[in-house]
Amino acid sequence: MADEEAVINEGSASPQPDVPVATQFNPASAKVTLAIIALNVLVYLVMVIKGVSWIEPTADSVLAWGADYGPRTLDGQWWRMFVSLFLHFGIIHLAFNMWVLANIGPFMESLSGRISYMILYIVSGLGGGAASLAWHPTTVSAGASGAIFGLYGALLAFLLRHRKTIAPEALKSLRKGALVFVGYNLLFGLARPEVDMAAHLGGLCSGFLLGLFLVRPASEEASSGNGRNAAAIVLGMAMVILTVRGLPKPDDILGEFKTFADTEDKSISQFNASMEKWKSHQLSDQQFADIIEQQILPKWQAERKAVANLKHLPANQAKLTASLVKYMDAREEGWELLAGGVRAEDQAKIKQSFDKSKEADQLAGLVGGK
């Protein structure tokens, strides 16, 4: 596709090679594409300088820079749908997206014009973000993939409507390139659960819709371009408003899991330290039982309730939450049995508490995927 030249001349019985369209990355003729690539690279470099991992950043680190995340985006931080288009999860993610953009971007920029191209890119990205929030709202999402898929969607729409305006050999190459890219990425996404397929499909569909009216042959009058651009902008705004106001706000599972991890670490550390003191007779039976019942269990029970009350979660995360609650119940029951057994000097209860603690350890391994 990169070596072909599309020829556009609507209104003629046969295509005439008088309106070449760039299909290679040429900064002189693809200023918007160059600016988008530069902005993505600049944002990435600033993130790395500020301490974000250059190859495999965590979801939390990218979230802090404006990644799309349902509990925050749908809670009024709508700007994340836009900012996330310029964030990436490491150098490989960035490099692949920019390489693809450098291949398709100049052609689409020449085909649609700079203003329409910029609108197409952003609105397609917003469409990908909207689909991502609707499909898996509690996943941290970022990247230019949705917008780039939108460019291919717009190209497919253009080829569908105006294929007679392009030289046959160029048309064949363009169609093949677009179908190979879209097909490969869709199949690759189906095989890799971490790939945001919803954003890809949302961007592709949004770009296709925009391509039906926004991308026109150069022979058409430019006077109607402003109206088409305005319609595309309205569509983009509508996507943001309908997404933020129409989708249910999920509970913040990432934030709650962080709170749980902190609670678990402190509770188990306090329990183990108290257990050592009790075994070495630095704590009496009653003092040890008091620590469990008055200091450890109340915080544990409060966090267990918070985890159990998480709502509007996808099925896989709801299942994970249920497993976590089961683990917390076992840990709580073990501590309660131990406190009661120690206080009453009941060896049977103490043994039961140790058995329940082993069960809790096994459940913790299952929750952690061990």
Protein backbone atom coordinates (compact mmCIF):
# COMPACT_ATOMS: atom_id res chain seq x y z
CA MET A 1 0.00 0.00 0.00
CA ALA A 2 2.86 2.37 0.86
CA ASP A 3 4.24 2.28 -2.70
CA GLU A 4 0.96 2.92 -4.47
CA GLU A 5 -0.54 6.22 -5.56
CA ALA A 6 -4.29 6.77 -5.43
CA VAL A 7 -5.71 8.76 -8.33
CA ILE A 8 -8.93 10.67 -7.81
CA ASN A 9 -11.01 12.29 -10.52
CA GLU A 10 -14.73 11.99 -9.86
CA GLY A 11 -16.98 12.83 -12.74
CA SER A 12 -14.80 11.18 -15.37
CA ALA A 13 -15.58 7.93 -17.13
CA SER A 14 -12.09 6.60 -16.44
CA PRO A 15 -9.64 7.61 -13.74
CA GLN A 16 -7.07 10.18 -14.78
CA PRO A 17 -3.78 10.49 -12.88
CA ASP A 18 -4.12 14.19 -12.06
CA VAL A 19 -4.69 14.19 -8.30
CA PRO A 20 -2.03 12.09 -6.57
CA VAL A 21 -2.53 11.26 -2.89
CA ALA A 22 0.47 10.58 -0.66
CA THR A 23 0.66 7.09 0.80
CA GLN A 24 4.12 7.33 2.34
CA PHE A 25 5.13 9.21 5.47
CA ASN A 26 6.23 12.59 4.16
CA PRO A 27 6.44 15.28 6.90
CA ALA A 28 6.11 18.04 4.34
CA SER A 29 2.67 16.82 3.26
CA ALA A 30 1.48 15.16 6.47
CA LYS A 31 1.86 17.85 9.09
CA VAL A 32 -1.07 16.73 11.24
CA THR A 33 0.16 13.14 11.27
CA LEU A 34 3.63 14.33 12.22
CA ALA A 35 2.19 16.51 14.99
CA ILE A 36 0.15 13.60 16.39
CA ILE A 37 3.17 11.29 16.38
CA ALA A 38 5.34 13.98 17.99
CA LEU A 39 2.74 14.60 20.70
CA ASN A 40 2.47 10.89 21.49
CA VAL A 41 6.24 10.54 21.72
CA LEU A 42 6.57 13.69 23.82
CA VAL A 43 3.94 12.55 26.30
CA TYR A 44 5.64 9.17 26.56
CA LEU A 45 9.04 10.74 27.20
CA VAL A 46 7.65 13.05 29.89
CA MET A 47 5.98 10.07 31.59
CA VAL A 48 9.25 8.12 31.58
CA ILE A 49 11.21 11.12 32.90
CA LYS A 50 8.66 11.42 35.71
CA GLY A 51 9.25 7.81 36.73
CA VAL A 52 6.79 5.71 34.72
CA SER A 53 8.31 2.43 33.49
CA TRP A 54 9.53 2.80 29.89
CA ILE A 55 8.65 -0.74 28.83
CA GLU A 56 5.90 -2.10 31.09
CA PRO A 57 4.14 0.59 33.15
CA THR A 58 1.51 -0.39 35.68
CA ALA A 59 -2.14 0.45 35.23
CA ASP A 60 -1.95 2.77 38.24
CA SER A 61 0.97 4.74 36.77
CA VAL A 62 -0.81 5.33 33.43
CA LEU A 63 -4.09 6.02 35.22
CA ALA A 64 -2.42 8.90 37.06
CA TRP A 65 -1.66 10.53 33.68
CA GLY A 66 -5.25 10.38 32.43
CA ALA A 67 -5.95 6.87 31.17
CA ASP A 68 -9.57 5.92 30.57
CA TYR A 69 -11.13 4.16 33.55
CA GLY A 70 -14.87 3.79 34.07
CA PRO A 71 -15.13 4.61 37.79
CA ARG A 72 -13.39 7.94 37.14
CA THR A 73 -14.39 8.76 33.57
CA LEU A 74 -18.06 8.06 34.26
CA ASP A 75 -17.86 10.01 37.50
CA GLY A 76 -17.29 13.30 35.70
CA GLN A 77 -13.69 13.02 34.49
CA TRP A 78 -14.86 12.91 30.86
CA TRP A 79 -11.59 14.46 29.65
CA ARG A 80 -9.94 11.06 30.13
CA MET A 81 -11.62 9.88 26.92
CA PHE A 82 -9.52 12.45 25.04
CA VAL A 83 -6.27 12.42 27.01
CA SER A 84 -6.02 8.62 26.91
CA LEU A 85 -5.59 8.79 23.11
CA PHE A 86 -2.05 10.09 23.65
CA LEU A 87 -0.94 7.69 26.41
CA HIS A 88 0.70 4.31 25.90
CA PHE A 89 1.65 1.27 27.95
CA GLY A 90 5.36 1.22 27.20
CA ILE A 91 7.71 1.66 24.26
CA ILE A 92 6.47 -1.38 22.30
CA HIS A 93 2.85 -0.23 22.48
CA LEU A 94 3.87 3.28 21.38
CA ALA A 95 6.25 2.16 18.62
CA PHE A 96 3.74 -0.21 16.99
CA ASN A 97 0.92 2.35 17.03
CA MET A 98 3.13 5.13 15.64
CA TRP A 99 4.50 2.85 12.93
CA VAL A 100 0.98 2.01 11.78
CA LEU A 101 -0.07 5.67 11.98
CA ALA A 102 2.94 6.67 9.88
CA ASN A 103 1.73 4.28 7.18
CA ILE A 104 -1.99 5.09 7.05
CA GLY A 105 -1.98 8.67 8.37
CA PRO A 106 -0.38 10.55 5.44
CA PHE A 107 -2.71 8.92 2.94
CA MET A 108 -5.83 9.72 4.93
CA GLU A 109 -4.60 13.24 5.65
CA SER A 110 -4.10 13.89 1.93
CA LEU A 111 -7.42 12.27 1.13
CA SER A 112 -9.58 14.12 3.64
CA GLY A 113 -7.72 17.37 4.26
CA ARG A 114 -5.98 18.37 7.48
CA ILE A 115 -8.97 19.65 9.45
CA SER A 116 -11.25 16.76 8.53
CA TYR A 117 -8.41 14.32 9.18
CA MET A 118 -7.81 15.70 12.67
CA ILE A 119 -11.53 15.51 13.46
CA LEU A 120 -11.69 11.97 12.06
CA TYR A 121 -8.76 10.86 14.21
CA ILE A 122 -10.06 12.34 17.47
CA VAL A 123 -13.71 11.37 17.03
CA SER A 124 -12.76 7.80 16.08
CA GLY A 125 -10.61 7.64 19.20
CA LEU A 126 -13.54 8.87 21.29
CA GLY A 127 -15.73 6.21 19.69
CA GLY A 128 -13.18 3.57 20.65
CA GLY A 129 -13.11 4.91 24.20
CA ALA A 130 -16.90 4.87 24.42
CA ALA A 131 -17.01 1.24 23.28
CA SER A 132 -14.28 0.32 25.76
CA LEU A 133 -16.17 1.93 28.65
CA ALA A 134 -19.38 0.16 27.65
CA TRP A 135 -17.72 -3.26 27.26
CA HIS A 136 -15.29 -3.34 30.17
CA PRO A 137 -15.65 -0.16 32.24
CA THR A 138 -13.31 -1.24 35.03
CA THR A 139 -10.30 -1.77 32.79
CA VAL A 140 -7.62 0.94 32.53
CA SER A 141 -7.42 1.79 28.83
CA ALA A 142 -5.08 4.02 26.81
CA GLY A 143 -3.49 4.26 23.39
CA ALA A 144 -3.98 5.46 19.83
CA SER A 145 -5.30 2.11 18.55
CA GLY A 146 -8.97 3.14 18.48
CA ALA A 147 -8.18 6.30 16.51
CA ILE A 148 -5.94 4.40 14.07
CA PHE A 149 -8.63 1.77 13.54
CA GLY A 150 -10.93 4.70 12.79
CA LEU A 151 -8.64 5.79 9.96
CA TYR A 152 -8.89 2.32 8.42
CA GLY A 153 -12.64 2.33 8.96
CA ALA A 154 -12.88 5.65 7.13
CA LEU A 155 -10.69 4.29 4.34
CA LEU A 156 -12.98 1.28 3.93
CA ALA A 157 -16.02 3.57 3.80
CA PHE A 158 -14.35 5.77 1.20
CA LEU A 159 -13.43 2.79 -0.94
CA LEU A 160 -16.99 1.52 -0.68
CA ARG A 161 -18.51 4.78 -1.90
CA HIS A 162 -15.86 6.16 -4.25
CA ARG A 163 -13.96 3.16 -5.56
CA LYS A 164 -14.54 4.31 -9.15
CA THR A 165 -12.49 7.45 -8.51
CA ILE A 166 -9.31 5.48 -7.75
CA ALA A 167 -7.07 3.74 -10.25
CA PRO A 168 -7.72 -0.05 -10.16
CA GLU A 169 -4.18 -1.01 -9.19
CA ALA A 170 -4.16 1.51 -6.32
CA LEU A 171 -7.65 0.43 -5.25
CA LYS A 172 -6.56 -3.19 -5.05
CA SER A 173 -3.53 -2.34 -2.94
CA LEU A 174 -5.49 -0.06 -0.60
CA ARG A 175 -8.27 -2.56 -0.09
CA LYS A 176 -5.81 -5.38 0.57
CA GLY A 177 -3.78 -3.33 3.02
CA ALA A 178 -6.83 -2.20 4.97
CA LEU A 179 -8.37 -5.67 5.17
CA VAL A 180 -5.07 -7.30 6.18
CA PHE A 181 -4.47 -4.75 8.95
CA VAL A 182 -8.00 -4.90 10.33
CA GLY A 183 -8.27 -8.69 9.99
CA TYR A 184 -4.90 -9.39 11.56
CA ASN A 185 -5.51 -7.08 14.51
CA LEU A 186 -8.98 -8.45 15.16
CA LEU A 187 -7.71 -12.04 15.14
CA PHE A 188 -4.70 -11.09 17.25
CA GLY A 189 -6.98 -9.33 19.70
CA LEU A 190 -9.24 -12.36 20.04
CA ALA A 191 -6.21 -14.46 20.97
CA ARG A 192 -4.85 -11.93 23.49
CA PRO A 193 -7.35 -11.01 26.24
CA GLU A 194 -5.26 -8.00 27.32
CA VAL A 195 -5.83 -6.29 23.94
CA ASP A 196 -8.67 -3.75 24.06
CA MET A 197 -10.80 -5.21 21.30
CA ALA A 198 -13.77 -3.01 22.21
CA ALA A 199 -11.72 0.13 21.55
CA HIS A 200 -10.54 -1.30 18.21
CA LEU A 201 -14.06 -2.15 17.08
CA GLY A 202 -15.50 1.10 18.41
CA GLY A 203 -12.87 3.12 16.58
CA LEU A 204 -13.33 1.08 13.40
CA CYS A 205 -17.11 1.58 13.37
CA SER A 206 -16.85 5.27 14.25
CA GLY A 207 -14.30 5.83 11.49
CA PHE A 208 -16.43 3.93 8.99
CA LEU A 209 -19.46 6.07 9.84
CA LEU A 210 -17.44 9.26 9.51
CA GLY A 211 -15.86 8.04 6.30
CA LEU A 212 -19.28 7.79 4.66
CA PHE A 213 -19.70 11.57 4.70
CA LEU A 214 -16.53 13.24 5.99
CA VAL A 215 -13.95 11.89 3.54
CA ARG A 216 -14.68 13.01 -0.01
CA PRO A 217 -12.81 13.00 -3.32
CA ALA A 218 -10.75 16.12 -3.97
CA SER A 219 -12.88 17.00 -6.99
CA GLU A 220 -15.88 17.78 -4.77
CA GLU A 221 -16.35 21.38 -3.75
CA ALA A 222 -14.76 22.33 -0.46
CA SER A 223 -17.67 24.61 0.44
CA SER A 224 -19.60 21.74 2.03
CA GLY A 225 -16.59 20.67 4.07
CA ASN A 226 -17.36 22.98 6.96
CA GLY A 227 -20.81 21.48 7.38
CA ARG A 228 -19.44 17.95 7.37
CA ASN A 229 -16.75 18.88 9.87
CA ALA A 230 -19.32 20.47 12.16
CA ALA A 231 -21.49 17.35 11.96
CA ALA A 232 -18.51 15.18 12.87
CA ILE A 233 -17.66 17.40 15.84
CA VAL A 234 -21.25 17.20 17.07
CA LEU A 235 -21.08 13.41 16.73
CA GLY A 236 -17.90 13.35 18.82
CA MET A 237 -19.44 15.54 21.54
CA ALA A 238 -22.56 13.37 21.56
CA MET A 239 -20.43 10.25 22.05
CA VAL A 240 -18.77 11.76 25.10
CA ILE A 241 -22.00 13.10 26.63
CA LEU A 242 -24.02 9.93 26.02
CA THR A 243 -21.21 7.73 27.33
CA VAL A 244 -20.59 9.72 30.51
CA ARG A 245 -24.28 10.22 31.28
CA GLY A 246 -25.76 7.02 29.89
CA LEU A 247 -23.52 4.28 31.24
CA PRO A 248 -23.81 3.17 34.87
CA LYS A 249 -20.85 4.17 37.00
CA PRO A 250 -19.06 1.03 38.25
CA ASP A 251 -17.47 0.91 41.66
CA ASP A 252 -13.73 1.51 41.83
CA ILE A 253 -12.46 -2.06 42.01
CA LEU A 254 -8.81 -1.04 41.55
CA GLY A 255 -9.00 1.45 44.40
CA GLU A 256 -10.79 -1.03 46.64
CA PHE A 257 -8.30 -3.79 45.89
CA LYS A 258 -5.47 -1.43 46.83
CA THR A 259 -7.23 -0.69 50.11
CA PHE A 260 -7.71 -4.43 50.66
CA ALA A 261 -4.03 -5.14 49.99
CA ASP A 262 -3.02 -2.51 52.53
CA THR A 263 -5.51 -3.84 55.08
CA GLU A 264 -4.36 -7.42 54.55
CA ASP A 265 -0.69 -6.52 54.90
CA LYS A 266 -1.22 -4.59 58.12
CA SER A 267 -3.64 -7.12 59.63
CA ILE A 268 -1.48 -10.17 58.94
CA SER A 269 1.66 -8.37 60.10
CA GLN A 270 -0.03 -7.37 63.35
CA PHE A 271 -1.41 -10.87 63.84
CA ASN A 272 1.96 -12.55 63.24
CA ALA A 273 3.77 -10.14 65.58
CA SER A 274 1.14 -10.66 68.28
CA MET A 275 1.29 -14.43 67.81
CA GLU A 276 5.07 -14.40 68.36
CA LYS A 277 4.67 -12.36 71.53
CA TRP A 278 1.92 -14.69 72.77
CA LYS A 279 4.04 -17.78 72.10
CA SER A 280 6.98 -16.21 73.97
CA HIS A 281 4.66 -15.30 76.87
CA GLN A 282 5.05 -11.56 76.31
CA LEU A 283 1.26 -11.42 75.93
CA SER A 284 -1.28 -13.21 78.10
CA ASP A 285 -4.07 -15.27 76.58
CA GLN A 286 -6.56 -12.50 77.26
CA GLN A 287 -4.32 -9.78 75.79
CA PHE A 288 -3.73 -11.81 72.63
CA ALA A 289 -7.46 -12.47 72.23
CA ASP A 290 -8.21 -8.76 72.80
CA ILE A 291 -5.81 -7.73 70.04
CA ILE A 292 -7.49 -10.11 67.59
CA GLU A 293 -11.04 -9.15 68.51
CA GLN A 294 -10.61 -5.42 69.10
CA GLN A 295 -7.84 -4.36 66.72
CA ILE A 296 -7.53 -6.85 63.87
CA LEU A 297 -11.04 -8.17 63.22
CA PRO A 298 -12.95 -4.83 63.09
CA LYS A 299 -10.78 -3.44 60.27
CA TRP A 300 -10.84 -6.78 58.46
CA GLN A 301 -14.62 -7.04 58.68
CA ALA A 302 -15.09 -3.47 57.46
CA GLU A 303 -12.92 -4.13 54.43
CA ARG A 304 -14.66 -7.43 53.76
CA LYS A 305 -17.98 -5.56 53.66
CA ALA A 306 -16.56 -2.93 51.28
CA VAL A 307 -15.26 -5.60 48.88
CA ALA A 308 -18.54 -7.55 49.01
CA ASN A 309 -20.51 -4.37 48.20
CA LEU A 310 -18.69 -3.64 44.92
CA LYS A 311 -21.32 -3.26 42.17
CA HIS A 312 -21.65 -2.97 38.38
CA LEU A 313 -18.62 -5.16 37.72
CA PRO A 314 -17.99 -7.31 34.62
CA ALA A 315 -18.54 -11.04 35.12
CA ASN A 316 -14.85 -11.93 35.48
CA GLN A 317 -14.25 -9.23 38.08
CA ALA A 318 -17.44 -10.14 39.95
CA LYS A 319 -16.13 -13.72 40.10
CA LEU A 320 -12.76 -12.48 41.37
CA THR A 321 -14.48 -10.39 44.02
CA ALA A 322 -16.55 -13.36 45.16
CA SER A 323 -13.37 -15.44 45.50
CA LEU A 324 -11.74 -12.68 47.51
CA VAL A 325 -14.71 -12.48 49.86
CA LYS A 326 -14.56 -16.25 50.36
CA TYR A 327 -10.89 -15.94 51.29
CA MET A 328 -11.60 -13.08 53.69
CA ASP A 329 -14.37 -15.09 55.34
CA ALA A 330 -12.01 -18.02 55.93
CA ARG A 331 -9.32 -15.76 57.36
CA GLU A 332 -11.84 -14.04 59.61
CA GLU A 333 -13.28 -17.32 60.85
CA GLY A 334 -9.79 -18.61 61.63
CA TRP A 335 -9.00 -15.56 63.73
CA GLU A 336 -12.34 -15.73 65.53
CA LEU A 337 -11.81 -19.40 66.39
CA LEU A 338 -8.31 -18.70 67.66
CA ALA A 339 -9.39 -15.77 69.82
CA GLY A 340 -12.24 -17.80 71.27
CA GLY A 341 -10.09 -20.88 71.81
CA VAL A 342 -7.30 -18.94 73.49
CA ARG A 343 -9.70 -17.07 75.73
CA ALA A 344 -11.48 -20.28 76.80
CA GLU A 345 -8.34 -22.45 76.70
CA ASP A 346 -10.15 -24.68 74.24
CA GLN A 347 -7.55 -26.73 72.34
CA ALA A 348 -10.14 -28.07 69.90
CA LYS A 349 -11.04 -24.54 68.79
CA ILE A 350 -7.39 -23.59 68.50
CA LYS A 351 -6.78 -26.59 66.24
CA GLN A 352 -9.83 -25.65 64.16
CA SER A 353 -8.44 -22.13 63.83
CA PHE A 354 -5.17 -23.46 62.42
CA ASP A 355 -7.06 -25.66 59.94
CA LYS A 356 -9.14 -22.66 58.86
CA SER A 357 -5.99 -20.57 58.46
CA LYS A 358 -4.54 -23.23 56.13
CA GLU A 359 -7.76 -23.13 54.14
CA ALA A 360 -7.48 -19.33 53.94
CA ASP A 361 -3.91 -19.65 52.64
CA GLN A 362 -5.09 -22.02 49.91
CA LEU A 363 -7.91 -19.67 48.93
CA ALA A 364 -5.44 -16.77 48.83
CA GLY A 365 -3.34 -18.75 46.35
CA LEU A 366 -6.39 -19.28 44.14
CA VAL A 367 -7.32 -15.60 44.25
CA GLY A 368 -3.75 -14.66 43.33
CA GLY A 369 -3.70 -17.12 40.43
CA LYS A 370 -0.96 -19.24 41.96
